[in-house]
């Protein structure tokens, strides 16, 4: 019996059961279509997945593949999912309710809804929110299993990074990208000078408001209606992908700045550099050391706070910060170094720690600050502005190479686990 006939038989049996016409002695409501190691795939599961794929393809206007191909490819996908989910169970891969809730909120946000409205919309479309939640959980487990197994197979050498950066692909990848907001006040190429002067004066009035702090798009959209502007957000583009009019101006603008009016055959333009990524990257860094005291079974949170307050007092009385860090700090990574965390960049530390660093002058010791790790006191040792352009460029190249290798290694790994699994297609 083929998979297709099993699906039809299981569907027919289900229909008979539901209408009360099935035999009282033999009532088949589902059938196994595949055995995968310690798991089974049921005909109902396969039908549901085919229905979801069909609905998705039809909604996108994509032509459906032949029925036999759709069944075979969907079953293959379910087999691979089962293998990976079983691997996840064996290594204890678990998705907490909080992580799953956050994932569902992101799915709802992508559909421009809150979670309650998204759930209601699914039910109205005849879909189950609980079923989608379970599918998202499965996908998160699979992603975690894939990442854990595939990343360890990827090695990127310094020579590969250098070769990539010297290639046309690498040079294009690491070029700066600009996000441009554009407003065009249309004027005929042969417009009289008086008309051009009037339009320029009007545009300069808007520009004055923008440079005084009003948002570019709000000023353009709230003009008095004398002129119909065109343009808008051009999105992220590399310099070579920008029109020549913009590519000559964008590199000379600071982020947030707006150009003077620019005349072209189509009219007068204002160009605003909304954002930029890549290019020269100067980063404010802080060198800091800290002492961490953690609450435990024998130390309450209040006692931990009292201890860091006492340590701060001892430092202010002249005792050496590094010596106290070696004796009392519970941060294993930095305690042996006298609490020294080295140079830190924005976003590297937890928010509470970053806020305390920002509020502490060089050479001073902070007030006790609580984070998810416990109670800290910290000393800001130095501050500097560091050029991170080369490191950022290297990181982007490494990420591109990693993604390329990840796709290749993932495909190889999936073939491997499929070949090693026991799979019996019924």
Protein backbone atom coordinates (compact mmCIF):
# COMPACT_ATOMS: atom_id res chain seq x y z
CA UNK A 1 0.00 0.00 0.00
CA UNK A 2 1.39 3.42 -0.96
CA UNK A 3 1.58 6.43 1.33
CA UNK A 4 -1.13 8.07 -0.75
CA UNK A 5 -3.50 5.12 -0.31
CA UNK A 6 -2.75 5.02 3.43
CA UNK A 7 -3.71 8.67 3.71
CA UNK A 8 -6.93 8.07 1.80
CA UNK A 9 -7.76 4.98 3.84
CA UNK A 10 -7.11 6.73 7.16
CA UNK A 11 -9.17 9.72 6.09
CA UNK A 12 -12.04 7.48 4.98
CA UNK A 13 -11.93 5.50 8.21
CA UNK A 14 -12.04 8.70 10.23
CA UNK A 15 -15.03 9.92 8.25
CA UNK A 16 -16.88 6.64 8.83
CA UNK A 17 -16.19 6.79 12.54
CA UNK A 18 -17.40 10.35 12.81
CA UNK A 19 -20.68 9.57 10.99
CA UNK A 20 -21.30 6.52 13.13
CA UNK A 21 -21.11 4.10 10.18
CA UNK A 22 -17.90 2.33 11.17
CA UNK A 23 -17.95 -1.23 12.41
CA UNK A 24 -18.39 -1.52 16.16
CA UNK A 25 -15.57 -4.06 16.27
CA UNK A 26 -12.98 -2.39 13.96
CA UNK A 27 -12.67 1.39 14.07
CA UNK A 28 -9.44 2.62 12.44
CA UNK A 29 -9.09 6.35 13.06
CA UNK A 30 -5.41 6.70 12.05
CA UNK A 31 -2.49 4.77 10.61
CA UNK A 32 1.27 4.75 10.94
CA UNK A 33 3.00 5.94 7.77
CA UNK A 34 6.59 5.78 9.05
CA UNK A 35 8.64 4.47 11.96
CA UNK A 36 11.63 6.67 12.81
CA UNK A 37 13.91 5.18 15.48
CA UNK A 38 11.76 5.36 18.64
CA UNK A 39 9.04 7.54 17.09
CA UNK A 40 6.21 7.09 14.60
CA UNK A 41 4.65 9.44 12.08
CA UNK A 42 0.89 9.13 11.72
CA UNK A 43 -1.21 9.62 8.61
CA UNK A 44 -3.14 12.40 10.36
CA UNK A 45 0.11 14.26 11.09
CA UNK A 46 1.14 13.97 7.46
CA UNK A 47 -2.27 15.17 6.23
CA UNK A 48 -2.20 18.18 8.53
CA UNK A 49 1.27 19.18 7.37
CA UNK A 50 0.32 18.79 3.69
CA UNK A 51 -2.77 20.92 4.27
CA UNK A 52 -0.68 23.66 5.93
CA UNK A 53 1.90 23.63 3.11
CA UNK A 54 -0.84 23.70 0.47
CA UNK A 55 -2.56 26.65 2.15
CA UNK A 56 0.74 28.54 2.39
CA UNK A 57 1.67 27.95 -1.26
CA UNK A 58 -1.80 28.93 -2.49
CA UNK A 59 -1.76 32.11 -0.40
CA UNK A 60 1.56 33.08 -2.05
CA UNK A 61 0.27 32.24 -5.51
CA UNK A 62 2.83 29.46 -5.96
CA UNK A 63 1.91 26.53 -8.19
CA UNK A 64 1.53 23.29 -6.25
CA UNK A 65 3.88 20.41 -7.09
CA UNK A 66 2.40 17.08 -8.22
CA UNK A 67 0.56 15.34 -5.39
CA UNK A 68 3.00 12.41 -5.13
CA UNK A 69 5.94 14.81 -4.95
CA UNK A 70 4.23 16.91 -2.26
CA UNK A 71 3.48 13.82 -0.17
CA UNK A 72 7.01 12.40 -0.51
CA UNK A 73 8.80 15.67 0.27
CA UNK A 74 6.52 16.43 3.22
CA UNK A 75 7.06 12.97 4.68
CA UNK A 76 10.83 13.33 4.24
CA UNK A 77 10.67 16.61 6.14
CA UNK A 78 8.68 15.03 8.96
CA UNK A 79 11.19 12.17 9.18
CA UNK A 80 14.10 14.63 9.53
CA UNK A 81 12.19 16.63 12.12
CA UNK A 82 11.51 13.49 14.14
CA UNK A 83 15.18 12.48 14.10
CA UNK A 84 16.25 15.92 15.30
CA UNK A 85 13.57 16.14 17.98
CA UNK A 86 14.66 12.77 19.33
CA UNK A 87 18.26 14.01 19.39
CA UNK A 88 17.02 17.04 21.32
CA UNK A 89 15.26 14.82 23.86
CA UNK A 90 18.42 12.79 24.39
CA UNK A 91 20.57 15.84 25.16
CA UNK A 92 17.88 17.56 27.23
CA UNK A 93 17.14 20.44 24.85
CA UNK A 94 14.19 22.25 26.42
CA UNK A 95 12.36 25.45 25.54
CA UNK A 96 10.99 27.26 28.58
CA UNK A 97 7.52 28.81 28.60
CA UNK A 98 9.11 32.26 28.79
CA UNK A 99 11.25 31.61 25.69
CA UNK A 100 8.26 30.20 23.83
CA UNK A 101 6.10 33.15 24.81
CA UNK A 102 8.72 35.56 23.51
CA UNK A 103 8.92 33.63 20.23
CA UNK A 104 5.13 33.73 19.81
CA UNK A 105 5.13 37.46 20.53
CA UNK A 106 7.71 37.94 17.76
CA UNK A 107 5.53 35.94 15.34
CA UNK A 108 2.53 38.08 16.28
CA UNK A 109 4.57 41.29 15.88
CA UNK A 110 5.66 40.19 12.40
CA UNK A 111 1.96 40.05 11.57
CA UNK A 112 1.48 43.51 13.19
CA UNK A 113 -0.67 42.16 16.02
CA UNK A 114 -0.41 41.60 19.72
CA UNK A 115 -0.52 38.03 20.97
CA UNK A 116 -4.24 38.06 21.87
CA UNK A 117 -5.28 39.43 18.47
CA UNK A 118 -2.97 36.98 16.70
CA UNK A 119 -4.50 34.04 18.57
CA UNK A 120 -8.00 35.23 17.73
CA UNK A 121 -7.09 35.70 14.06
CA UNK A 122 -5.78 32.14 13.88
CA UNK A 123 -8.97 30.75 15.37
CA UNK A 124 -11.06 32.76 12.89
CA UNK A 125 -9.06 31.20 10.05
CA UNK A 126 -9.76 27.73 11.42
CA UNK A 127 -6.22 27.26 12.75
CA UNK A 128 -5.29 26.26 16.27
CA UNK A 129 -3.14 28.64 18.30
CA UNK A 130 -2.08 25.71 20.52
CA UNK A 131 -0.99 23.74 17.45
CA UNK A 132 1.04 26.67 16.12
CA UNK A 133 2.62 27.17 19.53
CA UNK A 134 3.65 23.52 19.57
CA UNK A 135 5.06 23.79 16.05
CA UNK A 136 7.12 26.85 17.05
CA UNK A 137 8.40 24.94 20.08
CA UNK A 138 9.46 22.05 17.83
CA UNK A 139 11.21 24.44 15.44
CA UNK A 140 13.09 26.08 18.33
CA UNK A 141 14.28 22.69 19.61
CA UNK A 142 15.37 21.70 16.10
CA UNK A 143 17.22 25.00 15.64
CA UNK A 144 19.03 24.46 18.93
CA UNK A 145 19.98 20.89 17.97
CA UNK A 146 21.21 22.02 14.55
CA UNK A 147 23.24 24.88 15.98
CA UNK A 148 24.88 22.69 18.61
CA UNK A 149 25.87 20.00 16.13
CA UNK A 150 26.76 22.09 13.09
CA UNK A 151 28.71 24.96 14.68
CA UNK A 152 31.27 22.55 16.13
CA UNK A 153 32.00 21.30 12.61
CA UNK A 154 32.91 24.79 11.34
CA UNK A 155 36.47 26.11 11.45
CA UNK A 156 37.47 29.45 9.88
CA UNK A 157 41.17 30.26 9.56
CA UNK A 158 42.77 33.69 9.50
CA UNK A 159 43.93 32.99 5.94
CA UNK A 160 40.32 32.33 4.85
CA UNK A 161 39.24 35.66 6.33
CA UNK A 162 42.06 37.50 4.56
CA UNK A 163 41.30 35.79 1.25
CA UNK A 164 37.62 36.65 1.59
CA UNK A 165 38.32 40.30 2.40
CA UNK A 166 40.50 40.63 -0.70
CA UNK A 167 37.85 39.09 -2.96
CA UNK A 168 35.22 41.19 -4.82
CA UNK A 169 32.49 39.57 -2.72
CA UNK A 170 34.27 40.41 0.52
CA UNK A 171 35.03 43.97 -0.52
CA UNK A 172 31.40 44.55 -1.41
CA UNK A 173 30.17 43.00 1.83
CA UNK A 174 32.36 45.22 3.99
CA UNK A 175 31.49 48.47 2.21
CA UNK A 176 29.58 50.98 4.34
CA UNK A 177 25.80 50.96 4.03
CA UNK A 178 23.63 54.07 4.18
CA UNK A 179 19.97 54.51 5.02
CA UNK A 180 18.79 57.57 3.13
CA UNK A 181 15.60 59.59 3.57
CA UNK A 182 14.84 61.62 0.48
CA UNK A 183 12.43 64.44 -0.36
CA UNK A 184 12.04 65.77 -3.90
CA UNK A 185 10.26 69.04 -4.63
CA UNK A 186 9.48 68.64 -8.37
CA UNK A 187 10.49 71.47 -10.71
CA UNK A 188 10.73 71.48 -14.48
CA UNK A 189 14.27 71.58 -15.81
CA UNK A 190 13.49 74.85 -17.63
CA UNK A 191 11.54 76.44 -14.75
CA UNK A 192 12.07 80.22 -14.56
CA UNK A 193 14.51 81.53 -11.98
CA UNK A 194 11.73 83.19 -10.02
CA UNK A 195 9.97 79.84 -9.57
CA UNK A 196 13.21 78.14 -8.55
CA UNK A 197 13.98 80.92 -6.06
CA UNK A 198 10.51 80.66 -4.50
CA UNK A 199 10.79 76.88 -4.18
CA UNK A 200 14.31 77.14 -2.76
CA UNK A 201 13.16 79.66 -0.16
CA UNK A 202 10.32 77.38 0.86
CA UNK A 203 12.64 74.36 1.08
CA UNK A 204 15.15 76.30 3.15
CA UNK A 205 12.38 77.08 5.62
CA UNK A 206 11.69 73.37 6.05
CA UNK A 207 15.42 72.68 6.31
CA UNK A 208 15.73 75.22 9.11
CA UNK A 209 13.07 73.34 11.11
CA UNK A 210 14.80 70.01 10.51
CA UNK A 211 18.16 71.35 11.63
CA UNK A 212 16.51 72.81 14.71
CA UNK A 213 15.61 69.30 15.79
CA UNK A 214 12.31 68.36 14.15
CA UNK A 215 12.15 64.93 12.51
CA UNK A 216 12.87 64.95 8.78
CA UNK A 217 9.89 62.84 7.73
CA UNK A 218 7.49 64.74 10.00
CA UNK A 219 8.54 68.12 8.59
CA UNK A 220 8.22 66.93 4.99
CA UNK A 221 4.82 65.31 5.56
CA UNK A 222 3.46 68.28 7.52
CA UNK A 223 4.27 71.01 4.97
CA UNK A 224 1.47 73.47 4.13
CA UNK A 225 0.55 71.76 0.86
CA UNK A 226 1.96 74.28 -1.57
CA UNK A 227 4.20 71.58 -3.01
CA UNK A 228 3.71 67.83 -3.49
CA UNK A 229 6.85 66.07 -2.35
CA UNK A 230 7.97 62.65 -3.55
CA UNK A 231 10.73 60.36 -2.32
CA UNK A 232 10.79 58.58 1.03
CA UNK A 233 12.94 55.98 2.75
CA UNK A 234 15.39 54.37 0.32
CA UNK A 235 16.28 51.64 2.84
CA UNK A 236 19.78 50.28 3.40
CA UNK A 237 22.05 50.60 0.37
CA UNK A 238 25.74 50.39 -0.31
CA UNK A 239 27.36 53.43 -1.89
CA UNK A 240 27.58 51.83 -5.32
CA UNK A 241 23.85 51.07 -5.23
CA UNK A 242 22.86 54.68 -4.59
CA UNK A 243 21.98 57.11 -7.41
CA UNK A 244 25.00 59.26 -8.23
CA UNK A 245 23.25 62.33 -6.81
CA UNK A 246 23.09 60.62 -3.40
CA UNK A 247 26.44 58.82 -3.52
CA UNK A 248 28.22 62.16 -3.87
CA UNK A 249 26.48 63.57 -0.79
CA UNK A 250 25.89 60.70 1.69
CA UNK A 251 29.56 60.04 2.67
CA UNK A 252 29.93 63.70 3.68
CA UNK A 253 26.93 63.73 6.03
CA UNK A 254 26.91 62.90 9.73
CA UNK A 255 24.23 60.44 10.83
CA UNK A 256 21.02 62.42 11.33
CA UNK A 257 22.21 65.35 9.20
CA UNK A 258 20.36 66.78 6.19
CA UNK A 259 21.99 68.18 3.07
CA UNK A 260 21.48 71.64 1.63
CA UNK A 261 18.93 71.72 -1.23
CA UNK A 262 20.37 70.08 -4.36
CA UNK A 263 19.18 71.05 -7.85
CA UNK A 264 18.73 68.39 -10.51
CA UNK A 265 16.74 68.20 -13.77
CA UNK A 266 13.82 66.74 -11.79
CA UNK A 267 13.68 69.40 -9.07
CA UNK A 268 15.10 70.26 -5.67
CA UNK A 269 16.23 67.50 -3.29
CA UNK A 270 16.82 67.20 0.43
CA UNK A 271 18.86 64.19 1.53
CA UNK A 272 18.87 62.99 5.13
CA UNK A 273 21.33 60.36 6.38
CA UNK A 274 19.07 58.45 8.76
CA UNK A 275 21.68 55.86 9.69
CA UNK A 276 24.92 54.24 8.60
CA UNK A 277 26.65 50.95 9.29
CA UNK A 278 30.16 49.89 8.40
CA UNK A 279 32.87 52.37 7.50
CA UNK A 280 34.93 53.90 10.28
CA UNK A 281 33.72 52.75 13.68
CA UNK A 282 34.99 54.61 16.72
CA UNK A 283 33.89 53.09 20.02
CA UNK A 284 34.06 54.54 23.53
CA UNK A 285 35.66 51.90 25.76
CA UNK A 286 36.04 51.67 29.52
CA UNK A 287 38.64 49.70 31.44
CA UNK A 288 37.06 48.56 34.68
CA UNK A 289 37.60 46.20 37.57
CA UNK A 290 34.99 44.92 39.99
CA UNK A 291 34.26 42.83 43.05
CA UNK A 292 31.23 40.51 42.93
CA UNK A 293 29.51 39.17 46.03
CA UNK A 294 26.78 36.61 45.40
CA UNK A 295 23.91 35.67 47.72
CA UNK A 296 23.91 31.97 48.62
CA UNK A 297 22.39 29.47 51.01
CA UNK A 298 24.53 30.92 53.78
CA UNK A 299 24.41 34.58 52.70
CA UNK A 300 21.19 36.53 52.18
CA UNK A 301 20.81 39.25 49.58
CA UNK A 302 20.93 41.88 52.35
CA UNK A 303 24.16 40.42 53.75
CA UNK A 304 25.73 40.41 50.26
CA UNK A 305 24.88 44.10 49.90
CA UNK A 306 26.31 44.85 53.33
CA UNK A 307 29.55 43.07 52.43
CA UNK A 308 30.16 45.07 49.25
CA UNK A 309 29.40 48.28 51.19
CA UNK A 310 32.00 47.24 53.77
CA UNK A 311 34.52 46.45 51.00
CA UNK A 312 33.90 49.86 49.42
CA UNK A 313 34.59 51.52 52.79
CA UNK A 314 37.84 49.61 53.17
CA UNK A 315 38.97 50.69 49.69
CA UNK A 316 38.16 54.32 50.53
CA UNK A 317 40.26 53.94 53.67
CA UNK A 318 43.26 52.95 51.56
CA UNK A 319 43.15 49.17 51.13
CA UNK A 320 44.06 47.84 47.69
CA UNK A 321 41.10 47.12 45.37
CA UNK A 322 42.94 44.27 43.61
CA UNK A 323 43.86 42.53 46.87
CA UNK A 324 40.26 42.64 48.09
CA UNK A 325 39.01 41.39 44.73
CA UNK A 326 41.33 38.38 44.88
CA UNK A 327 40.11 37.57 48.39
CA UNK A 328 36.38 38.27 48.17
CA UNK A 329 35.17 38.40 44.55
CA UNK A 330 33.08 35.45 43.36
CA UNK A 331 33.74 36.24 39.70
CA UNK A 332 36.12 33.37 38.97
CA UNK A 333 37.16 34.82 35.62
CA UNK A 334 38.44 38.13 37.01
CA UNK A 335 39.18 37.54 40.70
CA UNK A 336 42.69 36.20 40.08
CA UNK A 337 43.38 39.33 38.01
CA UNK A 338 42.43 41.62 40.86
CA UNK A 339 38.93 42.07 39.42
CA UNK A 340 40.26 43.52 36.14
CA UNK A 341 37.74 43.02 33.29
CA UNK A 342 39.95 44.72 30.71
CA UNK A 343 38.56 47.10 28.09
CA UNK A 344 34.79 46.84 27.69
CA UNK A 345 32.63 48.11 24.85
CA UNK A 346 29.01 49.30 25.05
CA UNK A 347 26.57 46.39 25.22
CA UNK A 348 29.14 43.95 26.56
CA UNK A 349 27.99 44.13 30.19
CA UNK A 350 24.54 43.77 31.74
CA UNK A 351 22.56 47.06 31.79
CA UNK A 352 22.91 47.71 35.53
CA UNK A 353 26.69 47.34 35.34
CA UNK A 354 26.90 49.57 32.25
CA UNK A 355 24.85 52.27 33.97
CA UNK A 356 27.12 52.19 37.02
CA UNK A 357 30.22 52.47 34.78
CA UNK A 358 28.74 55.47 32.99
CA UNK A 359 28.00 57.22 36.30
CA UNK A 360 31.45 56.60 37.80
CA UNK A 361 34.38 58.92 37.14
CA UNK A 362 37.84 57.61 36.29
CA UNK A 363 39.60 56.58 39.51
CA UNK A 364 36.37 56.41 41.53
CA UNK A 365 34.64 53.38 43.05
CA UNK A 366 30.92 53.04 42.41
CA UNK A 367 28.13 52.64 44.89
CA UNK A 368 26.99 49.01 45.30
CA UNK A 369 25.03 47.91 42.23
CA UNK A 370 22.84 44.83 41.92
CA UNK A 371 22.64 42.70 38.76
CA UNK A 372 21.40 39.22 37.94
CA UNK A 373 24.77 37.90 39.16
CA UNK A 374 24.75 39.51 42.60
CA UNK A 375 26.14 42.70 44.17
CA UNK A 376 29.07 44.59 42.62
CA UNK A 377 31.32 47.50 43.32
CA UNK A 378 33.43 48.66 40.40
CA UNK A 379 36.32 51.02 39.76
CA UNK A 380 36.68 52.82 36.44
CA UNK A 381 40.38 52.72 35.66
CA UNK A 382 40.57 54.36 32.21
CA UNK A 383 38.46 55.52 29.29
CA UNK A 384 39.37 55.81 25.61
CA UNK A 385 37.96 56.13 22.12
CA UNK A 386 39.06 53.11 20.10
CA UNK A 387 39.00 52.61 16.33
CA UNK A 388 37.21 49.27 15.87
CA UNK A 389 36.88 49.50 12.09
CA UNK A 390 39.31 46.68 11.31
CA UNK A 391 37.80 44.40 13.95
CA UNK A 392 34.26 45.14 12.77
CA UNK A 393 35.27 44.43 9.16
CA UNK A 394 36.87 41.15 10.19
CA UNK A 395 33.79 40.19 12.21
CA UNK A 396 31.49 40.80 9.24
CA UNK A 397 33.73 38.71 6.99
CA UNK A 398 33.85 35.91 9.56
CA UNK A 399 30.06 35.96 9.91
CA UNK A 400 29.65 35.73 6.12
CA UNK A 401 32.06 32.80 5.91
CA UNK A 402 30.41 31.11 8.88
CA UNK A 403 26.96 31.39 7.30
CA UNK A 404 28.22 29.98 4.01
CA UNK A 405 29.89 27.05 5.78
CA UNK A 406 26.91 26.59 8.10
CA UNK A 407 24.55 26.00 5.18
CA UNK A 408 26.97 23.49 3.64
CA UNK A 409 27.65 21.68 6.92
CA UNK A 410 23.96 21.62 7.85
CA UNK A 411 23.08 19.87 4.60
CA UNK A 412 25.87 17.32 5.14
CA UNK A 413 24.87 16.75 8.77
CA UNK A 414 21.21 16.22 7.88
CA UNK A 415 22.20 13.61 5.29
CA UNK A 416 24.37 11.90 7.91
CA UNK A 417 21.70 11.64 10.61
CA UNK A 418 19.15 10.51 8.02
CA UNK A 419 21.45 7.73 6.83
CA UNK A 420 22.21 6.61 10.40
CA UNK A 421 18.57 6.54 11.57
CA UNK A 422 16.25 3.57 11.37
CA UNK A 423 13.43 4.67 9.05
CA UNK A 424 10.66 2.33 7.90
CA UNK A 425 8.23 3.88 5.43
CA UNK A 426 4.96 1.96 5.52
